[in-house]
PDB file of N, CA and C in Angstrom:
ATOM      1  N   MET A   1     -17.513   5.626  -8.465  1.00  0.00           N
ATOM      2  CA  MET A   1     -16.191   6.254  -7.937  1.00  0.00           C
ATOM      3  C   MET A   1     -15.108   5.536  -9.115  1.00  0.00           C
ATOM      4  N   ILE A   2     -13.903   6.381  -9.092  1.00  0.00           N
ATOM      5  CA  ILE A   2     -12.665   5.486  -9.772  1.00  0.00           C
ATOM      6  C   ILE A   2     -11.243   5.821  -9.003  1.00  0.00           C
ATOM      7  N   VAL A   3     -10.690   5.166  -9.144  1.00  0.00           N
ATOM      8  CA  VAL A   3      -9.437   5.159  -8.351  1.00  0.00           C
ATOM      9  C   VAL A   3      -8.569   5.310  -9.692  1.00  0.00           C
ATOM     10  N   LYS A   4      -7.270   5.700  -9.581  1.00  0.00           N
ATOM     11  CA  LYS A   4      -6.147   5.544 -10.597  1.00  0.00           C
ATOM     12  C   LYS A   4      -4.902   4.781  -9.581  1.00  0.00           C
ATOM     13  N   THR A   5      -4.314   4.154 -10.838  1.00  0.00           N
ATOM     14  CA  THR A   5      -3.335   3.300  -9.847  1.00  0.00           C
ATOM     15  C   THR A   5      -1.979   4.214  -9.786  1.00  0.00           C
ATOM     16  N   ARG A   6      -0.836   4.065  -8.931  1.00  0.00           N
ATOM     17  CA  ARG A   6       0.125   5.073  -9.093  1.00  0.00           C
ATOM     18  C   ARG A   6       1.649   4.193  -8.462  1.00  0.00           C
ATOM     19  N   LYS A   7       2.481   4.596  -9.104  1.00  0.00           N
ATOM     20  CA  LYS A   7       3.775   3.930  -8.633  1.00  0.00           C
ATOM     21  C   LYS A   7       4.589   4.068  -7.481  1.00  0.00           C
ATOM     22  N   GLN A   8       4.748   3.485  -6.400  1.00  0.00           N
ATOM     23  CA  GLN A   8       5.387   3.748  -5.300  1.00  0.00           C
ATOM     24  C   GLN A   8       6.792   2.742  -4.971  1.00  0.00           C
ATOM     25  N   GLY A   9       7.960   3.300  -5.622  1.00  0.00           N
ATOM     26  CA  GLY A   9       9.077   2.186  -5.363  1.00  0.00           C
ATOM     27  C   GLY A   9       8.882   1.459  -6.761  1.00  0.00           C
ATOM     28  N   ASN A  10       8.919  -0.092  -6.537  1.00  0.00           N
ATOM     29  CA  ASN A  10       8.705  -0.850  -7.444  1.00  0.00           C
ATOM     30  C   ASN A  10       7.511  -1.213  -7.353  1.00  0.00           C
ATOM     31  N   SER A  11       6.464  -0.715  -6.939  1.00  0.00           N
ATOM     32  CA  SER A  11       5.356  -1.209  -6.501  1.00  0.00           C
ATOM     33  C   SER A  11       4.147  -0.541  -7.635  1.00  0.00           C
ATOM     34  N   ILE A  12       2.929  -1.205  -7.910  1.00  0.00           N
ATOM     35  CA  ILE A  12       1.970  -0.328  -8.187  1.00  0.00           C
ATOM     36  C   ILE A  12       0.800   0.027  -7.354  1.00  0.00           C
ATOM     37  N   MET A  13       0.813   0.671  -6.712  1.00  0.00           N
ATOM     38  CA  MET A  13      -0.465   1.038  -5.864  1.00  0.00           C
ATOM     39  C   MET A  13      -1.865   1.495  -6.427  1.00  0.00           C
ATOM     40  N   ILE A  14      -2.573   1.332  -5.734  1.00  0.00           N
ATOM     41  CA  ILE A  14      -4.037   1.610  -5.371  1.00  0.00           C
ATOM     42  C   ILE A  14      -4.728   1.827  -4.564  1.00  0.00           C
ATOM     43  N   THR A  15      -5.607   3.423  -4.696  1.00  0.00           N
ATOM     44  CA  THR A  15      -6.139   3.804  -3.302  1.00  0.00           C
ATOM     45  C   THR A  15      -7.547   2.889  -3.384  1.00  0.00           C
ATOM     46  N   VAL A  16      -7.519   2.528  -1.902  1.00  0.00           N
ATOM     47  CA  VAL A  16      -8.772   2.066  -1.574  1.00  0.00           C
ATOM     48  C   VAL A  16     -10.148   3.314  -0.546  1.00  0.00           C
ATOM     49  N   PRO A  17     -11.038   3.444  -1.305  1.00  0.00           N
ATOM     50  CA  PRO A  17     -11.689   4.599  -0.872  1.00  0.00           C
ATOM     51  C   PRO A  17     -12.153   4.261   0.770  1.00  0.00           C
ATOM     52  N   ALA A  18     -12.028   5.586   1.622  1.00  0.00           N
ATOM     53  CA  ALA A  18     -12.086   5.556   3.246  1.00  0.00           C
ATOM     54  C   ALA A  18     -13.551   5.059   3.160  1.00  0.00           C
ATOM     55  N   ALA A  19     -14.831   4.858   2.454  1.00  0.00           N
ATOM     56  CA  ALA A  19     -15.883   4.186   2.674  1.00  0.00           C
ATOM     57  C   ALA A  19     -16.004   2.967   2.592  1.00  0.00           C
ATOM     58  N   PHE A  20     -15.155   2.339   2.360  1.00  0.00           N
ATOM     59  CA  PHE A  20     -15.002   1.181   1.998  1.00  0.00           C
ATOM     60  C   PHE A  20     -14.603   0.491   3.860  1.00  0.00           C
ATOM     61  N   ASP A  21     -13.789   1.470   4.372  1.00  0.00           N
ATOM     62  CA  ASP A  21     -14.007   1.443   5.819  1.00  0.00           C
ATOM     63  C   ASP A  21     -13.116  -0.023   6.041  1.00  0.00           C
ATOM     64  N   VAL A  22     -11.923   0.297   5.119  1.00  0.00           N
ATOM     65  CA  VAL A  22     -10.750  -0.863   5.447  1.00  0.00           C
ATOM     66  C   VAL A  22      -9.887  -0.368   6.667  1.00  0.00           C
ATOM     67  N   LYS A  23      -9.631  -1.106   7.839  1.00  0.00           N
ATOM     68  CA  LYS A  23      -8.755  -1.112   9.030  1.00  0.00           C
ATOM     69  C   LYS A  23      -7.555  -1.255   8.490  1.00  0.00           C
ATOM     70  N   GLU A  24      -6.814   0.251   9.281  1.00  0.00           N
ATOM     71  CA  GLU A  24      -5.065  -0.211   9.142  1.00  0.00           C
ATOM     72  C   GLU A  24      -4.346  -1.227   9.338  1.00  0.00           C
ATOM     73  N   ASN A  25      -3.579  -2.020   8.768  1.00  0.00           N
ATOM     74  CA  ASN A  25      -2.588  -3.317   8.799  1.00  0.00           C
ATOM     75  C   ASN A  25      -4.080  -4.400   8.791  1.00  0.00           C
ATOM     76  N   THR A  26      -4.918  -4.439   7.929  1.00  0.00           N
ATOM     77  CA  THR A  26      -5.487  -5.418   7.153  1.00  0.00           C
ATOM     78  C   THR A  26      -5.015  -6.441   6.535  1.00  0.00           C
ATOM     79  N   GLN A  27      -4.872  -7.432   6.586  1.00  0.00           N
ATOM     80  CA  GLN A  27      -4.412  -8.261   5.804  1.00  0.00           C
ATOM     81  C   GLN A  27      -5.412  -8.575   4.677  1.00  0.00           C
ATOM     82  N   TYR A  28      -4.571  -8.881   3.104  1.00  0.00           N
ATOM     83  CA  TYR A  28      -5.316  -9.683   2.056  1.00  0.00           C
ATOM     84  C   TYR A  28      -4.479 -10.544   1.287  1.00  0.00           C
ATOM     85  N   GLN A  29      -5.382 -11.402   0.851  1.00  0.00           N
ATOM     86  CA  GLN A  29      -4.480 -12.338  -0.146  1.00  0.00           C
ATOM     87  C   GLN A  29      -5.064 -11.640  -1.580  1.00  0.00           C
ATOM     88  N   PRO A  30      -3.752 -11.022  -2.652  1.00  0.00           N
ATOM     89  CA  PRO A  30      -4.406 -10.591  -3.831  1.00  0.00           C
ATOM     90  C   PRO A  30      -4.472 -11.705  -4.773  1.00  0.00           C
ATOM     91  N   LEU A  31      -5.356 -11.510  -5.374  1.00  0.00           N
ATOM     92  CA  LEU A  31      -5.793 -12.322  -6.958  1.00  0.00           C
ATOM     93  C   LEU A  31      -6.070 -11.747  -7.616  1.00  0.00           C
ATOM     94  N   ILE A  32      -5.724 -12.467  -9.045  1.00  0.00           N
ATOM     95  CA  ILE A  32      -5.995 -12.224 -10.064  1.00  0.00           C
ATOM     96  C   ILE A  32      -6.835 -12.822 -11.454  1.00  0.00           C
ATOM     97  N   ASP A  33      -7.730 -12.486 -11.590  1.00  0.00           N
ATOM     98  CA  ASP A  33      -8.531 -13.853 -12.568  1.00  0.00           C
ATOM     99  C   ASP A  33      -7.429 -13.647 -14.308  1.00  0.00           C
ATOM    100  N   ASP A  34      -8.462 -14.477 -15.116  1.00  0.00           N
ATOM    101  CA  ASP A  34      -7.767 -14.923 -16.514  1.00  0.00           C
ATOM    102  C   ASP A  34      -8.330 -13.323 -17.064  1.00  0.00           C
ATOM    103  N   ASN A  35      -9.564 -12.797 -16.639  1.00  0.00           N
ATOM    104  CA  ASN A  35      -9.979 -11.731 -17.328  1.00  0.00           C
ATOM    105  C   ASN A  35      -9.357 -10.172 -16.703  1.00  0.00           C
ATOM    106  N   GLY A  36      -8.624 -10.378 -15.472  1.00  0.00           N
ATOM    107  CA  GLY A  36      -7.783  -9.079 -15.470  1.00  0.00           C
ATOM    108  C   GLY A  36      -8.817  -8.683 -14.359  1.00  0.00           C
ATOM    109  N   VAL A  37      -9.718  -9.320 -13.411  1.00  0.00           N
ATOM    110  CA  VAL A  37      -9.888  -8.876 -12.338  1.00  0.00           C
ATOM    111  C   VAL A  37      -9.364  -9.217 -10.897  1.00  0.00           C
ATOM    112  N   ILE A  38      -9.062  -8.123 -10.707  1.00  0.00           N
ATOM    113  CA  ILE A  38      -8.088  -8.384  -9.273  1.00  0.00           C
ATOM    114  C   ILE A  38      -9.215  -7.946  -7.934  1.00  0.00           C
ATOM    115  N   SER A  39      -9.114  -8.484  -7.176  1.00  0.00           N
ATOM    116  CA  SER A  39      -9.919  -9.309  -5.729  1.00  0.00           C
ATOM    117  C   SER A  39      -8.327  -9.433  -4.650  1.00  0.00           C
ATOM    118  N   PHE A  40      -9.370  -8.754  -3.554  1.00  0.00           N
ATOM    119  CA  PHE A  40      -8.331  -9.007  -2.410  1.00  0.00           C
ATOM    120  C   PHE A  40      -9.308  -9.437  -1.349  1.00  0.00           C
ATOM    121  N   ILE A  41      -8.799 -10.726  -1.211  1.00  0.00           N
ATOM    122  CA  ILE A  41      -9.717 -11.925   0.005  1.00  0.00           C
ATOM    123  C   ILE A  41      -8.978 -11.475   1.491  1.00  0.00           C
ATOM    124  N   PRO A  42      -9.700 -10.828   2.549  1.00  0.00           N
ATOM    125  CA  PRO A  42      -9.198 -10.896   3.742  1.00  0.00           C
ATOM    126  C   PRO A  42      -8.969 -12.044   4.208  1.00  0.00           C
ATOM    127  N   LEU A  43      -7.715 -11.971   5.077  1.00  0.00           N
ATOM    128  CA  LEU A  43      -7.197 -13.364   5.854  1.00  0.00           C
ATOM    129  C   LEU A  43      -7.680 -13.445   6.735  1.00  0.00           C
ATOM    130  N   THR A  44      -8.592 -14.591   6.886  1.00  0.00           N
ATOM    131  CA  THR A  44      -9.202 -14.681   8.533  1.00  0.00           C
ATOM    132  C   THR A  44      -7.923 -16.073   9.162  1.00  0.00           C
ATOM    133  N   SER A  45      -8.357 -16.037  10.280  1.00  0.00           N
ATOM    134  CA  SER A  45      -7.717 -17.363  11.066  1.00  0.00           C
ATOM    135  C   SER A  45      -8.242 -18.534  11.084  1.00  0.00           C
ATOM    136  N   ASN A  46      -7.624 -19.776  11.113  1.00  0.00           N
ATOM    137  CA  ASN A  46      -8.270 -20.505  11.449  1.00  0.00           C
ATOM    138  C   ASN A  46      -8.126 -21.356  12.910  1.00  0.00           C
ATOM    139  N   ILE A  47      -9.603 -21.010  13.068  1.00  0.00           N
ATOM    140  CA  ILE A  47      -9.909 -21.421  14.739  1.00  0.00           C
ATOM    141  C   ILE A  47      -9.445 -22.834  15.050  1.00  0.00           C
ATOM    142  N   PHE A  48      -9.010 -23.917  13.965  1.00  0.00           N
ATOM    143  CA  PHE A  48      -8.851 -24.841  14.265  1.00  0.00           C
ATOM    144  C   PHE A  48      -7.288 -25.687  14.551  1.00  0.00           C
ATOM    145  N   GLU A  49      -6.550 -24.155  13.645  1.00  0.00           N
ATOM    146  CA  GLU A  49      -5.075 -24.066  13.734  1.00  0.00           C
ATOM    147  C   GLU A  49      -4.961 -23.686  15.338  1.00  0.00           C
ATOM    148  N   GLU A  50      -5.765 -22.332  15.577  1.00  0.00           N
ATOM    149  CA  GLU A  50      -5.276 -21.719  16.678  1.00  0.00           C
ATOM    150  C   GLU A  50      -5.799 -22.496  18.074  1.00  0.00           C
ATOM    151  N   ASN A  51      -6.275 -23.607  18.158  1.00  0.00           N
ATOM    152  CA  ASN A  51      -6.847 -24.744  19.374  1.00  0.00           C
ATOM    153  C   ASN A  51      -6.584 -25.848  18.619  1.00  0.00           C
ATOM    154  N   ALA A  52      -5.745 -26.557  18.483  1.00  0.00           N
ATOM    155  CA  ALA A  52      -5.492 -27.632  18.056  1.00  0.00           C
ATOM    156  C   ALA A  52      -6.109 -28.904  18.806  1.00  0.00           C
ATOM    157  N   ASP A  53      -5.744 -28.332  20.363  1.00  0.00           N
ATOM    158  CA  ASP A  53      -6.423 -28.927  21.406  1.00  0.00           C
ATOM    159  C   ASP A  53      -8.146 -29.368  21.446  1.00  0.00           C
ATOM    160  N   TYR A  54      -8.523 -28.832  20.655  1.00  0.00           N
ATOM    161  CA  TYR A  54     -10.133 -28.627  21.097  1.00  0.00           C
ATOM    162  C   TYR A  54     -10.995 -29.819  20.281  1.00  0.00           C
ATOM    163  N   ASP A  55     -11.772 -30.465  21.313  1.00  0.00           N
ATOM    164  CA  ASP A  55     -12.123 -31.810  20.529  1.00  0.00           C
ATOM    165  C   ASP A  55     -13.435 -31.374  20.402  1.00  0.00           C
ATOM    166  N   PHE A  56     -13.917 -31.611  18.646  1.00  0.00           N
ATOM    167  CA  PHE A  56     -14.901 -30.668  18.291  1.00  0.00           C
ATOM    168  C   PHE A  56     -16.328 -31.757  18.703  1.00  0.00           C
ATOM    169  N   LYS A  57     -16.227 -33.116  18.923  1.00  0.00           N
ATOM    170  CA  LYS A  57     -16.810 -34.011  18.707  1.00  0.00           C
ATOM    171  C   LYS A  57     -17.418 -34.062  20.180  1.00  0.00           C
ATOM    172  N   SER A  58     -16.248 -34.316  21.341  1.00  0.00           N
ATOM    173  CA  SER A  58     -16.755 -34.076  22.812  1.00  0.00           C
ATOM    174  C   SER A  58     -17.804 -32.875  22.938  1.00  0.00           C
ATOM    175  N   ALA A  59     -17.112 -31.942  22.202  1.00  0.00           N
ATOM    176  CA  ALA A  59     -18.283 -31.081  22.720  1.00  0.00           C
ATOM    177  C   ALA A  59     -19.578 -30.875  22.278  1.00  0.00           C
ATOM    178  N   ILE A  60     -19.302 -31.451  21.034  1.00  0.00           N
ATOM    179  CA  ILE A  60     -21.249 -31.886  20.578  1.00  0.00           C
ATOM    180  C   ILE A  60     -21.920 -32.537  21.447  1.00  0.00           C
ATOM    181  N   LYS A  61     -21.270 -33.870  21.755  1.00  0.00           N
ATOM    182  CA  LYS A  61     -21.554 -34.599  22.690  1.00  0.00           C
ATOM    183  C   LYS A  61     -22.061 -34.042  23.972  1.00  0.00           C
ATOM    184  N   GLU A  62     -20.765 -33.410  24.686  1.00  0.00           N
ATOM    185  CA  GLU A  62     -21.428 -32.758  25.551  1.00  0.00           C
ATOM    186  C   GLU A  62     -22.515 -31.789  25.878  1.00  0.00           C
ATOM    187  N   MET A  63     -22.621 -30.945  24.402  1.00  0.00           N
ATOM    188  CA  MET A  63     -24.246 -30.288  24.223  1.00  0.00           C
ATOM    189  C   MET A  63     -25.091 -30.590  24.079  1.00  0.00           C
ATOM    190  N   ASN A  64     -25.129 -32.283  23.871  1.00  0.00           N
ATOM    191  CA  ASN A  64     -26.202 -33.029  23.380  1.00  0.00           C
ATOM    192  C   ASN A  64     -26.878 -32.768  22.020  1.00  0.00           C
ATOM    193  N   LEU A  65     -25.959 -32.469  21.420  1.00  0.00           N
ATOM    194  CA  LEU A  65     -26.149 -31.989  20.011  1.00  0.00           C
ATOM    195  C   LEU A  65     -26.411 -33.140  18.698  1.00  0.00           C
ATOM    196  N   GLY A  66     -26.524 -34.051  19.299  1.00  0.00           N
ATOM    197  CA  GLY A  66     -26.426 -35.549  18.324  1.00  0.00           C
ATOM    198  C   GLY A  66     -27.955 -35.527  16.982  1.00  0.00           C
ATOM    199  N   ASP A  67     -27.149 -36.292  16.300  1.00  0.00           N
ATOM    200  CA  ASP A  67     -28.193 -36.368  14.813  1.00  0.00           C
ATOM    201  C   ASP A  67     -29.243 -37.253  15.234  1.00  0.00           C
ATOM    202  N   ASN A  68     -30.318 -36.330  15.075  1.00  0.00           N
ATOM    203  CA  ASN A  68     -31.923 -37.248  15.270  1.00  0.00           C
ATOM    204  C   ASN A  68     -31.962 -37.944  14.106  1.00  0.00           C
ATOM    205  N   GLY A  69     -31.635 -38.055  13.229  1.00  0.00           N
ATOM    206  CA  GLY A  69     -31.699 -38.541  11.665  1.00  0.00           C
ATOM    207  C   GLY A  69     -32.477 -37.888  10.848  1.00  0.00           C
ATOM    208  N   GLU A  70     -33.274 -36.758  11.430  1.00  0.00           N
ATOM    209  CA  GLU A  70     -34.454 -36.362  10.692  1.00  0.00           C
ATOM    210  C   GLU A  70     -33.743 -34.843  10.018  1.00  0.00           C
ATOM    211  N   LEU A  71     -34.506 -34.778   8.446  1.00  0.00           N
ATOM    212  CA  LEU A  71     -33.416 -33.516   7.850  1.00  0.00           C
ATOM    213  C   LEU A  71     -34.232 -32.177   8.241  1.00  0.00           C
ATOM    214  N   ALA A  72     -33.109 -31.234   8.639  1.00  0.00           N
ATOM    215  CA  ALA A  72     -33.560 -29.989   8.657  1.00  0.00           C
ATOM    216  C   ALA A  72     -34.024 -28.889   7.769  1.00  0.00           C
ATOM    217  N   GLY A  73     -33.480 -29.128   6.505  1.00  0.00           N
ATOM    218  CA  GLY A  73     -33.615 -28.610   5.503  1.00  0.00           C
ATOM    219  C   GLY A  73     -34.007 -29.228   3.877  1.00  0.00           C
ATOM    220  N   HIS A  74     -33.132 -28.834   2.929  1.00  0.00           N
ATOM    221  CA  HIS A  74     -33.142 -29.351   2.422  1.00  0.00           C
ATOM    222  C   HIS A  74     -31.750 -30.266   1.892  1.00  0.00           C
ATOM    223  N   GLU A  75     -31.346 -31.020   2.584  1.00  0.00           N
ATOM    224  CA  GLU A  75     -30.329 -32.075   2.352  1.00  0.00           C
ATOM    225  C   GLU A  75     -30.272 -33.085   1.534  1.00  0.00           C
ATOM    226  N   ASP A  76     -31.289 -33.422   1.550  1.00  0.00           N
ATOM    227  CA  ASP A  76     -31.662 -34.500   0.666  1.00  0.00           C
ATOM    228  C   ASP A  76     -32.348 -34.048  -0.734  1.00  0.00           C
ATOM    229  N   VAL A  77     -30.684 -33.923  -1.785  1.00  0.00           N
ATOM    230  CA  VAL A  77     -30.984 -33.373  -2.909  1.00  0.00           C
ATOM    231  C   VAL A  77     -31.149 -34.015  -4.007  1.00  0.00           C
ATOM    232  N   TRP A  78     -31.388 -35.864  -4.018  1.00  0.00           N
ATOM    233  CA  TRP A  78     -31.941 -35.957  -4.549  1.00  0.00           C
ATOM    234  C   TRP A  78     -33.159 -36.545  -4.942  1.00  0.00           C
ATOM    235  N   SER A  79     -33.936 -36.271  -4.301  1.00  0.00           N
ATOM    236  CA  SER A  79     -35.239 -36.593  -3.984  1.00  0.00           C
ATOM    237  C   SER A  79     -36.424 -35.897  -4.829  1.00  0.00           C
TER     238      SER A  79
END
């Protein structure tokens, strides 16, 4: 599939194919790298900013999810 840029006002537009299922009014952060590759990163909300009063440490303690000191996977990368 090939898309072509077009001028709209003072901006250059690129059509997003419908097959990508991008919803209307979705926000993205545009980036361009040194090779000219353009990426659009979807903006997500920061759950910690939205719930500033949430005490993560207390929640872990309440759910009894303390650290038992044992490895769960490959955490010990130095061995």
